[in-house]
Amino acid sequence: MLVIRRLMTRYMPGMLTCQQVDSFLYDFHEGNLSFAQNIKFKFHLSMCRDCQAYVAGYKQTIQNIKAGAAIEQHPQKIPEDLVQAILKSTKR
């Protein structure tokens, strides 16, 4: 597979490398790539399973962070007796 990717980037003008895909990832996710960059990015993804997995992991990480942030914005009230029990146990 690595040989095929090297041949594609060597003989297909404008083909992005995996490193370029990585450097464009944030802008792709935010919708900041130009039309041509977006086409090249998606074309590379269509041909490269490693980058497909990498982008999927990136998107999953963002979803996990957003889910965690939503939980932190709505903390549950901690029962006062639990707080007092914890405080007592640390004074020993």
PDB file of N, CA and C in Angstrom:
ATOM      1  N   MET A   1       0.828  -1.194   0.000  1.00  0.00           N
ATOM      2  CA  MET A   1       0.000   0.000   0.000  1.00  0.00           C
ATOM      3  C   MET A   1       0.871   1.256   0.000  1.00  0.00           C
ATOM      4  N   LEU A   2       1.957   1.232   0.767  1.00  0.00           N
ATOM      5  CA  LEU A   2       2.856   2.378   0.830  1.00  0.00           C
ATOM      6  C   LEU A   2       3.454   2.676  -0.532  1.00  0.00           C
ATOM      7  N   VAL A   3       3.773   1.642  -1.287  1.00  0.00           N
ATOM      8  CA  VAL A   3       4.332   1.820  -2.627  1.00  0.00           C
ATOM      9  C   VAL A   3       3.318   2.521  -3.531  1.00  0.00           C
ATOM     10  N   ILE A   4       2.070   2.114  -3.438  1.00  0.00           N
ATOM     11  CA  ILE A   4       1.021   2.720  -4.270  1.00  0.00           C
ATOM     12  C   ILE A   4       0.882   4.206  -3.938  1.00  0.00           C
ATOM     13  N   ARG A   5       0.886   4.531  -2.636  1.00  0.00           N
ATOM     14  CA  ARG A   5       0.761   5.940  -2.252  1.00  0.00           C
ATOM     15  C   ARG A   5       1.944   6.761  -2.757  1.00  0.00           C
ATOM     16  N   ARG A   6       3.115   6.203  -2.656  1.00  0.00           N
ATOM     17  CA  ARG A   6       4.299   6.929  -3.163  1.00  0.00           C
ATOM     18  C   ARG A   6       4.195   7.157  -4.664  1.00  0.00           C
ATOM     19  N   LEU A   7       3.747   6.160  -5.393  1.00  0.00           N
ATOM     20  CA  LEU A   7       3.581   6.304  -6.840  1.00  0.00           C
ATOM     21  C   LEU A   7       2.514   7.342  -7.174  1.00  0.00           C
ATOM     22  N   MET A   8       1.408   7.344  -6.394  1.00  0.00           N
ATOM     23  CA  MET A   8       0.338   8.319  -6.651  1.00  0.00           C
ATOM     24  C   MET A   8       0.849   9.746  -6.459  1.00  0.00           C
ATOM     25  N   THR A   9       1.567   9.990  -5.374  1.00  0.00           N
ATOM     26  CA  THR A   9       2.043  11.355  -5.127  1.00  0.00           C
ATOM     27  C   THR A   9       3.143  11.746  -6.103  1.00  0.00           C
ATOM     28  N   ARG A  10       3.842  10.769  -6.635  1.00  0.00           N
ATOM     29  CA  ARG A  10       4.924  11.064  -7.586  1.00  0.00           C
ATOM     30  C   ARG A  10       4.395  11.335  -8.991  1.00  0.00           C
ATOM     31  N   TYR A  11       3.394  10.563  -9.424  1.00  0.00           N
ATOM     32  CA  TYR A  11       2.939  10.646 -10.810  1.00  0.00           C
ATOM     33  C   TYR A  11       1.584  11.336 -11.004  1.00  0.00           C
ATOM     34  N   MET A  12       0.949  11.725  -9.929  1.00  0.00           N
ATOM     35  CA  MET A  12      -0.330  12.440 -10.035  1.00  0.00           C
ATOM     36  C   MET A  12      -0.123  13.850  -9.496  1.00  0.00           C
ATOM     37  N   PRO A  13       0.081  14.804 -10.377  1.00  0.00           N
ATOM     38  CA  PRO A  13       0.337  16.175  -9.929  1.00  0.00           C
ATOM     39  C   PRO A  13      -0.785  16.687  -9.033  1.00  0.00           C
ATOM     40  N   GLY A  14      -0.401  17.287  -7.933  1.00  0.00           N
ATOM     41  CA  GLY A  14      -1.380  17.862  -7.024  1.00  0.00           C
ATOM     42  C   GLY A  14      -1.913  16.898  -5.988  1.00  0.00           C
ATOM     43  N   MET A  15      -1.547  15.624  -6.085  1.00  0.00           N
ATOM     44  CA  MET A  15      -2.006  14.643  -5.101  1.00  0.00           C
ATOM     45  C   MET A  15      -1.388  14.965  -3.749  1.00  0.00           C
ATOM     46  N   LEU A  16      -2.215  15.027  -2.716  1.00  0.00           N
ATOM     47  CA  LEU A  16      -1.719  15.329  -1.385  1.00  0.00           C
ATOM     48  C   LEU A  16      -1.000  14.125  -0.792  1.00  0.00           C
ATOM     49  N   THR A  17       0.002  14.408   0.015  1.00  0.00           N
ATOM     50  CA  THR A  17       0.658  13.361   0.787  1.00  0.00           C
ATOM     51  C   THR A  17      -0.108  13.195   2.098  1.00  0.00           C
ATOM     52  N   CYS A  18       0.183  12.135   2.816  1.00  0.00           N
ATOM     53  CA  CYS A  18      -0.460  11.921   4.116  1.00  0.00           C
ATOM     54  C   CYS A  18      -0.109  13.063   5.071  1.00  0.00           C
ATOM     55  N   GLN A  19       1.111  13.559   5.004  1.00  0.00           N
ATOM     56  CA  GLN A  19       1.515  14.673   5.858  1.00  0.00           C
ATOM     57  C   GLN A  19       0.709  15.934   5.543  1.00  0.00           C
ATOM     58  N   GLN A  20       0.438  16.169   4.276  1.00  0.00           N
ATOM     59  CA  GLN A  20      -0.364  17.327   3.899  1.00  0.00           C
ATOM     60  C   GLN A  20      -1.812  17.163   4.370  1.00  0.00           C
ATOM     61  N   VAL A  21      -2.330  15.952   4.287  1.00  0.00           N
ATOM     62  CA  VAL A  21      -3.679  15.696   4.786  1.00  0.00           C
ATOM     63  C   VAL A  21      -3.734  16.023   6.276  1.00  0.00           C
ATOM     64  N   ASP A  22      -2.720  15.599   7.000  1.00  0.00           N
ATOM     65  CA  ASP A  22      -2.659  15.891   8.433  1.00  0.00           C
ATOM     66  C   ASP A  22      -2.633  17.395   8.689  1.00  0.00           C
ATOM     67  N   SER A  23      -1.859  18.127   7.899  1.00  0.00           N
ATOM     68  CA  SER A  23      -1.758  19.575   8.112  1.00  0.00           C
ATOM     69  C   SER A  23      -3.039  20.310   7.704  1.00  0.00           C
ATOM     70  N   PHE A  24      -3.836  19.722   6.812  1.00  0.00           N
ATOM     71  CA  PHE A  24      -5.093  20.338   6.375  1.00  0.00           C
ATOM     72  C   PHE A  24      -6.295  19.906   7.219  1.00  0.00           C
ATOM     73  N   LEU A  25      -6.101  18.973   8.125  1.00  0.00           N
ATOM     74  CA  LEU A  25      -7.221  18.345   8.815  1.00  0.00           C
ATOM     75  C   LEU A  25      -8.090  19.341   9.579  1.00  0.00           C
ATOM     76  N   TYR A  26      -7.485  20.233  10.329  1.00  0.00           N
ATOM     77  CA  TYR A  26      -8.270  21.214  11.091  1.00  0.00           C
ATOM     78  C   TYR A  26      -9.098  22.086  10.154  1.00  0.00           C
ATOM     79  N   ASP A  27      -8.460  22.600   9.102  1.00  0.00           N
ATOM     80  CA  ASP A  27      -9.174  23.453   8.157  1.00  0.00           C
ATOM     81  C   ASP A  27     -10.276  22.686   7.430  1.00  0.00           C
ATOM     82  N   PHE A  28     -10.048  21.414   7.140  1.00  0.00           N
ATOM     83  CA  PHE A  28     -11.081  20.595   6.519  1.00  0.00           C
ATOM     84  C   PHE A  28     -12.283  20.469   7.457  1.00  0.00           C
ATOM     85  N   HIS A  29     -12.009  20.152   8.696  1.00  0.00           N
ATOM     86  CA  HIS A  29     -13.088  19.975   9.671  1.00  0.00           C
ATOM     87  C   HIS A  29     -13.876  21.266   9.882  1.00  0.00           C
ATOM     88  N   GLU A  30     -13.190  22.398   9.848  1.00  0.00           N
ATOM     89  CA  GLU A  30     -13.842  23.692  10.061  1.00  0.00           C
ATOM     90  C   GLU A  30     -14.458  24.256   8.781  1.00  0.00           C
ATOM     91  N   GLY A  31     -14.233  23.577   7.645  1.00  0.00           N
ATOM     92  CA  GLY A  31     -14.788  24.049   6.369  1.00  0.00           C
ATOM     93  C   GLY A  31     -14.019  25.219   5.783  1.00  0.00           C
ATOM     94  N   ASN A  32     -12.726  25.309   6.091  1.00  0.00           N
ATOM     95  CA  ASN A  32     -11.905  26.441   5.646  1.00  0.00           C
ATOM     96  C   ASN A  32     -11.021  26.147   4.438  1.00  0.00           C
ATOM     97  N   LEU A  33     -11.130  24.974   3.841  1.00  0.00           N
ATOM     98  CA  LEU A  33     -10.312  24.670   2.669  1.00  0.00           C
ATOM     99  C   LEU A  33     -10.943  25.299   1.430  1.00  0.00           C
ATOM    100  N   SER A  34     -10.081  25.668   0.491  1.00  0.00           N
ATOM    101  CA  SER A  34     -10.598  26.155  -0.793  1.00  0.00           C
ATOM    102  C   SER A  34     -11.263  24.985  -1.518  1.00  0.00           C
ATOM    103  N   PHE A  35     -11.981  25.285  -2.562  1.00  0.00           N
ATOM    104  CA  PHE A  35     -12.655  24.239  -3.336  1.00  0.00           C
ATOM    105  C   PHE A  35     -11.639  23.210  -3.836  1.00  0.00           C
ATOM    106  N   ALA A  36     -10.533  23.703  -4.400  1.00  0.00           N
ATOM    107  CA  ALA A  36      -9.512  22.793  -4.945  1.00  0.00           C
ATOM    108  C   ALA A  36      -8.865  21.961  -3.844  1.00  0.00           C
ATOM    109  N   GLN A  37      -8.550  22.584  -2.712  1.00  0.00           N
ATOM    110  CA  GLN A  37      -7.948  21.845  -1.595  1.00  0.00           C
ATOM    111  C   GLN A  37      -8.912  20.779  -1.068  1.00  0.00           C
ATOM    112  N   ASN A  38     -10.181  21.132  -0.989  1.00  0.00           N
ATOM    113  CA  ASN A  38     -11.191  20.194  -0.514  1.00  0.00           C
ATOM    114  C   ASN A  38     -11.287  18.974  -1.428  1.00  0.00           C
ATOM    115  N   ILE A  39     -11.256  19.213  -2.742  1.00  0.00           N
ATOM    116  CA  ILE A  39     -11.305  18.103  -3.709  1.00  0.00           C
ATOM    117  C   ILE A  39     -10.075  17.210  -3.550  1.00  0.00           C
ATOM    118  N   LYS A  40      -8.893  17.821  -3.452  1.00  0.00           N
ATOM    119  CA  LYS A  40      -7.661  17.038  -3.287  1.00  0.00           C
ATOM    120  C   LYS A  40      -7.681  16.248  -1.984  1.00  0.00           C
ATOM    121  N   PHE A  41      -8.171  16.885  -0.914  1.00  0.00           N
ATOM    122  CA  PHE A  41      -8.247  16.242   0.393  1.00  0.00           C
ATOM    123  C   PHE A  41      -9.152  15.012   0.321  1.00  0.00           C
ATOM    124  N   LYS A  42     -10.343  15.193  -0.233  1.00  0.00           N
ATOM    125  CA  LYS A  42     -11.292  14.085  -0.327  1.00  0.00           C
ATOM    126  C   LYS A  42     -10.801  12.986  -1.271  1.00  0.00           C
ATOM    127  N   PHE A  43     -10.106  13.378  -2.330  1.00  0.00           N
ATOM    128  CA  PHE A  43      -9.562  12.384  -3.256  1.00  0.00           C
ATOM    129  C   PHE A  43      -8.518  11.533  -2.544  1.00  0.00           C
ATOM    130  N   HIS A  44      -7.641  12.181  -1.780  1.00  0.00           N
ATOM    131  CA  HIS A  44      -6.635  11.427  -1.040  1.00  0.00           C
ATOM    132  C   HIS A  44      -7.315  10.463  -0.069  1.00  0.00           C
ATOM    133  N   LEU A  45      -8.330  10.953   0.640  1.00  0.00           N
ATOM    134  CA  LEU A  45      -9.038  10.082   1.589  1.00  0.00           C
ATOM    135  C   LEU A  45      -9.681   8.891   0.898  1.00  0.00           C
ATOM    136  N   SER A  46     -10.167   9.103  -0.310  1.00  0.00           N
ATOM    137  CA  SER A  46     -10.806   7.999  -1.024  1.00  0.00           C
ATOM    138  C   SER A  46      -9.803   6.903  -1.388  1.00  0.00           C
ATOM    139  N   MET A  47      -8.522   7.249  -1.437  1.00  0.00           N
ATOM    140  CA  MET A  47      -7.493   6.307  -1.849  1.00  0.00           C
ATOM    141  C   MET A  47      -6.663   5.754  -0.688  1.00  0.00           C
ATOM    142  N   CYS A  48      -6.741   6.379   0.496  1.00  0.00           N
ATOM    143  CA  CYS A  48      -5.804   6.051   1.578  1.00  0.00           C
ATOM    144  C   CYS A  48      -6.562   5.608   2.834  1.00  0.00           C
ATOM    145  N   ARG A  49      -6.503   4.333   3.127  1.00  0.00           N
ATOM    146  CA  ARG A  49      -7.199   3.797   4.300  1.00  0.00           C
ATOM    147  C   ARG A  49      -6.592   4.307   5.604  1.00  0.00           C
ATOM    148  N   ASP A  50      -5.292   4.518   5.620  1.00  0.00           N
ATOM    149  CA  ASP A  50      -4.666   5.030   6.843  1.00  0.00           C
ATOM    150  C   ASP A  50      -5.207   6.408   7.191  1.00  0.00           C
ATOM    151  N   CYS A  51      -5.318   7.266   6.198  1.00  0.00           N
ATOM    152  CA  CYS A  51      -5.843   8.613   6.433  1.00  0.00           C
ATOM    153  C   CYS A  51      -7.340   8.583   6.752  1.00  0.00           C
ATOM    154  N   GLN A  52      -8.065   7.651   6.153  1.00  0.00           N
ATOM    155  CA  GLN A  52      -9.484   7.497   6.483  1.00  0.00           C
ATOM    156  C   GLN A  52      -9.636   7.193   7.975  1.00  0.00           C
ATOM    157  N   ALA A  53      -8.829   6.262   8.464  1.00  0.00           N
ATOM    158  CA  ALA A  53      -8.890   5.892   9.881  1.00  0.00           C
ATOM    159  C   ALA A  53      -8.451   7.064  10.760  1.00  0.00           C
ATOM    160  N   TYR A  54      -7.442   7.785  10.320  1.00  0.00           N
ATOM    161  CA  TYR A  54      -6.941   8.931  11.083  1.00  0.00           C
ATOM    162  C   TYR A  54      -8.010  10.019  11.192  1.00  0.00           C
ATOM    163  N   VAL A  55      -8.669  10.326  10.093  1.00  0.00           N
ATOM    164  CA  VAL A  55      -9.717  11.355  10.091  1.00  0.00           C
ATOM    165  C   VAL A  55     -10.908  10.897  10.936  1.00  0.00           C
ATOM    166  N   ALA A  56     -11.261   9.622  10.845  1.00  0.00           N
ATOM    167  CA  ALA A  56     -12.357   9.102  11.665  1.00  0.00           C
ATOM    168  C   ALA A  56     -12.026   9.228  13.155  1.00  0.00           C
ATOM    169  N   GLY A  57     -10.788   8.931  13.515  1.00  0.00           N
ATOM    170  CA  GLY A  57     -10.358   9.082  14.907  1.00  0.00           C
ATOM    171  C   GLY A  57     -10.385  10.532  15.356  1.00  0.00           C
ATOM    172  N   TYR A  58     -10.002  11.425  14.474  1.00  0.00           N
ATOM    173  CA  TYR A  58     -10.024  12.870  14.760  1.00  0.00           C
ATOM    174  C   TYR A  58     -11.458  13.328  15.031  1.00  0.00           C
ATOM    175  N   LYS A  59     -12.377  12.915  14.167  1.00  0.00           N
ATOM    176  CA  LYS A  59     -13.783  13.297  14.344  1.00  0.00           C
ATOM    177  C   LYS A  59     -14.355  12.713  15.634  1.00  0.00           C
ATOM    178  N   GLN A  60     -14.003  11.469  15.939  1.00  0.00           N
ATOM    179  CA  GLN A  60     -14.489  10.831  17.162  1.00  0.00           C
ATOM    180  C   GLN A  60     -13.955  11.551  18.398  1.00  0.00           C
ATOM    181  N   THR A  61     -12.711  11.980  18.345  1.00  0.00           N
ATOM    182  CA  THR A  61     -12.126  12.720  19.463  1.00  0.00           C
ATOM    183  C   THR A  61     -12.872  14.023  19.697  1.00  0.00           C
ATOM    184  N   ILE A  62     -13.189  14.728  18.635  1.00  0.00           N
ATOM    185  CA  ILE A  62     -13.931  15.986  18.760  1.00  0.00           C
ATOM    186  C   ILE A  62     -15.309  15.731  19.368  1.00  0.00           C
ATOM    187  N   GLN A  63     -15.982  14.677  18.925  1.00  0.00           N
ATOM    188  CA  GLN A  63     -17.295  14.336  19.477  1.00  0.00           C
ATOM    189  C   GLN A  63     -17.193  14.006  20.967  1.00  0.00           C
ATOM    190  N   ASN A  64     -16.147  13.267  21.347  1.00  0.00           N
ATOM    191  CA  ASN A  64     -15.961  12.921  22.756  1.00  0.00           C
ATOM    192  C   ASN A  64     -15.707  14.162  23.602  1.00  0.00           C
ATOM    193  N   ILE A  65     -14.917  15.088  23.088  1.00  0.00           N
ATOM    194  CA  ILE A  65     -14.634  16.324  23.818  1.00  0.00           C
ATOM    195  C   ILE A  65     -15.909  17.140  23.997  1.00  0.00           C
ATOM    196  N   LYS A  66     -16.696  17.244  22.929  1.00  0.00           N
ATOM    197  CA  LYS A  66     -17.954  17.995  23.018  1.00  0.00           C
ATOM    198  C   LYS A  66     -18.909  17.343  24.017  1.00  0.00           C
ATOM    199  N   ALA A  67     -18.971  16.025  24.008  1.00  0.00           N
ATOM    200  CA  ALA A  67     -19.846  15.316  24.948  1.00  0.00           C
ATOM    201  C   ALA A  67     -19.379  15.546  26.381  1.00  0.00           C
ATOM    202  N   GLY A  68     -18.072  15.519  26.593  1.00  0.00           N
ATOM    203  CA  GLY A  68     -17.530  15.766  27.929  1.00  0.00           C
ATOM    204  C   GLY A  68     -17.779  17.184  28.379  1.00  0.00           C
ATOM    205  N   ALA A  69     -17.675  18.138  27.481  1.00  0.00           N
ATOM    206  CA  ALA A  69     -17.916  19.539  27.818  1.00  0.00           C
ATOM    207  C   ALA A  69     -19.372  19.757  28.186  1.00  0.00           C
ATOM    208  N   ALA A  70     -20.267  19.063  27.516  1.00  0.00           N
ATOM    209  CA  ALA A  70     -21.695  19.199  27.820  1.00  0.00           C
ATOM    210  C   ALA A  70     -21.989  18.672  29.218  1.00  0.00           C
ATOM    211  N   ILE A  71     -21.340  17.602  29.606  1.00  0.00           N
ATOM    212  CA  ILE A  71     -21.538  17.040  30.942  1.00  0.00           C
ATOM    213  C   ILE A  71     -21.011  18.003  32.005  1.00  0.00           C
ATOM    214  N   GLU A  72     -19.839  18.600  31.758  1.00  0.00           N
ATOM    215  CA  GLU A  72     -19.243  19.517  32.728  1.00  0.00           C
ATOM    216  C   GLU A  72     -20.067  20.781  32.915  1.00  0.00           C
ATOM    217  N   GLN A  73     -20.815  21.192  31.924  1.00  0.00           N
ATOM    218  CA  GLN A  73     -21.610  22.399  32.036  1.00  0.00           C
ATOM    219  C   GLN A  73     -22.815  22.198  32.937  1.00  0.00           C
ATOM    220  N   HIS A  74     -23.191  20.975  33.192  1.00  0.00           N
ATOM    221  CA  HIS A  74     -24.367  20.684  34.004  1.00  0.00           C
ATOM    222  C   HIS A  74     -23.986  19.732  35.144  1.00  0.00           C
ATOM    223  N   PRO A  75     -23.138  20.195  36.071  1.00  0.00           N
ATOM    224  CA  PRO A  75     -22.732  19.295  37.154  1.00  0.00           C
ATOM    225  C   PRO A  75     -23.915  18.980  38.068  1.00  0.00           C
ATOM    226  N   GLN A  76     -23.900  17.810  38.611  1.00  0.00           N
ATOM    227  CA  GLN A  76     -24.959  17.421  39.531  1.00  0.00           C
ATOM    228  C   GLN A  76     -24.634  17.968  40.918  1.00  0.00           C
ATOM    229  N   LYS A  77     -25.661  18.252  41.681  1.00  0.00           N
ATOM    230  CA  LYS A  77     -25.494  18.716  43.056  1.00  0.00           C
ATOM    231  C   LYS A  77     -25.004  17.552  43.901  1.00  0.00           C
ATOM    232  N   ILE A  78     -23.908  17.780  44.619  1.00  0.00           N
ATOM    233  CA  ILE A  78     -23.346  16.746  45.483  1.00  0.00           C
ATOM    234  C   ILE A  78     -24.044  16.841  46.835  1.00  0.00           C
ATOM    235  N   PRO A  79     -24.558  15.736  47.325  1.00  0.00           N
ATOM    236  CA  PRO A  79     -25.244  15.768  48.618  1.00  0.00           C
ATOM    237  C   PRO A  79     -24.313  16.277  49.732  1.00  0.00           C
ATOM    238  N   GLU A  80     -24.836  17.138  50.579  1.00  0.00           N
ATOM    239  CA  GLU A  80     -24.035  17.757  51.640  1.00  0.00           C
ATOM    240  C   GLU A  80     -23.465  16.723  52.606  1.00  0.00           C
ATOM    241  N   ASP A  81     -24.217  15.660  52.893  1.00  0.00           N
ATOM    242  CA  ASP A  81     -23.706  14.646  53.815  1.00  0.00           C
ATOM    243  C   ASP A  81     -22.497  13.904  53.233  1.00  0.00           C
ATOM    244  N   LEU A  82     -22.476  13.744  51.934  1.00  0.00           N
ATOM    245  CA  LEU A  82     -21.324  13.122  51.284  1.00  0.00           C
ATOM    246  C   LEU A  82     -20.112  14.040  51.378  1.00  0.00           C
ATOM    247  N   VAL A  83     -20.301  15.329  51.136  1.00  0.00           N
ATOM    248  CA  VAL A  83     -19.205  16.298  51.246  1.00  0.00           C
ATOM    249  C   VAL A  83     -18.635  16.265  52.656  1.00  0.00           C
ATOM    250  N   GLN A  84     -19.507  16.284  53.669  1.00  0.00           N
ATOM    251  CA  GLN A  84     -19.048  16.283  55.060  1.00  0.00           C
ATOM    252  C   GLN A  84     -18.307  14.982  55.408  1.00  0.00           C
ATOM    253  N   ALA A  85     -18.775  13.846  54.896  1.00  0.00           N
ATOM    254  CA  ALA A  85     -18.105  12.567  55.160  1.00  0.00           C
ATOM    255  C   ALA A  85     -16.707  12.555  54.545  1.00  0.00           C
ATOM    256  N   ILE A  86     -16.586  13.103  53.362  1.00  0.00           N
ATOM    257  CA  ILE A  86     -15.260  13.175  52.707  1.00  0.00           C
ATOM    258  C   ILE A  86     -14.338  14.094  53.495  1.00  0.00           C
ATOM    259  N   LEU A  87     -14.832  15.241  53.906  1.00  0.00           N
ATOM    260  CA  LEU A  87     -14.025  16.184  54.679  1.00  0.00           C
ATOM    261  C   LEU A  87     -13.572  15.576  56.004  1.00  0.00           C
ATOM    262  N   LYS A  88     -14.458  14.853  56.686  1.00  0.00           N
ATOM    263  CA  LYS A  88     -14.103  14.207  57.958  1.00  0.00           C
ATOM    264  C   LYS A  88     -13.023  13.154  57.750  1.00  0.00           C
ATOM    265  N   SER A  89     -13.135  12.382  56.673  1.00  0.00           N
ATOM    266  CA  SER A  89     -12.176  11.308  56.439  1.00  0.00           C
ATOM    267  C   SER A  89     -10.784  11.840  56.096  1.00  0.00           C
ATOM    268  N   THR A  90     -10.691  13.054  55.574  1.00  0.00           N
ATOM    269  CA  THR A  90      -9.371  13.617  55.218  1.00  0.00           C
ATOM    270  C   THR A  90      -8.711  14.273  56.416  1.00  0.00           C
ATOM    271  N   LYS A  91      -9.437  14.529  57.487  1.00  0.00           N
ATOM    272  CA  LYS A  91      -8.863  15.175  58.676  1.00  0.00           C
ATOM    273  C   LYS A  91      -8.145  14.189  59.584  1.00  0.00           C
ATOM    274  N   ARG A  92      -8.293  12.932  59.372  1.00  0.00           N
ATOM    275  CA  ARG A  92      -7.685  11.916  60.250  1.00  0.00           C
ATOM    276  C   ARG A  92      -6.231  11.856  60.107  1.00  0.00           C
TER     277      ARG A  92
END
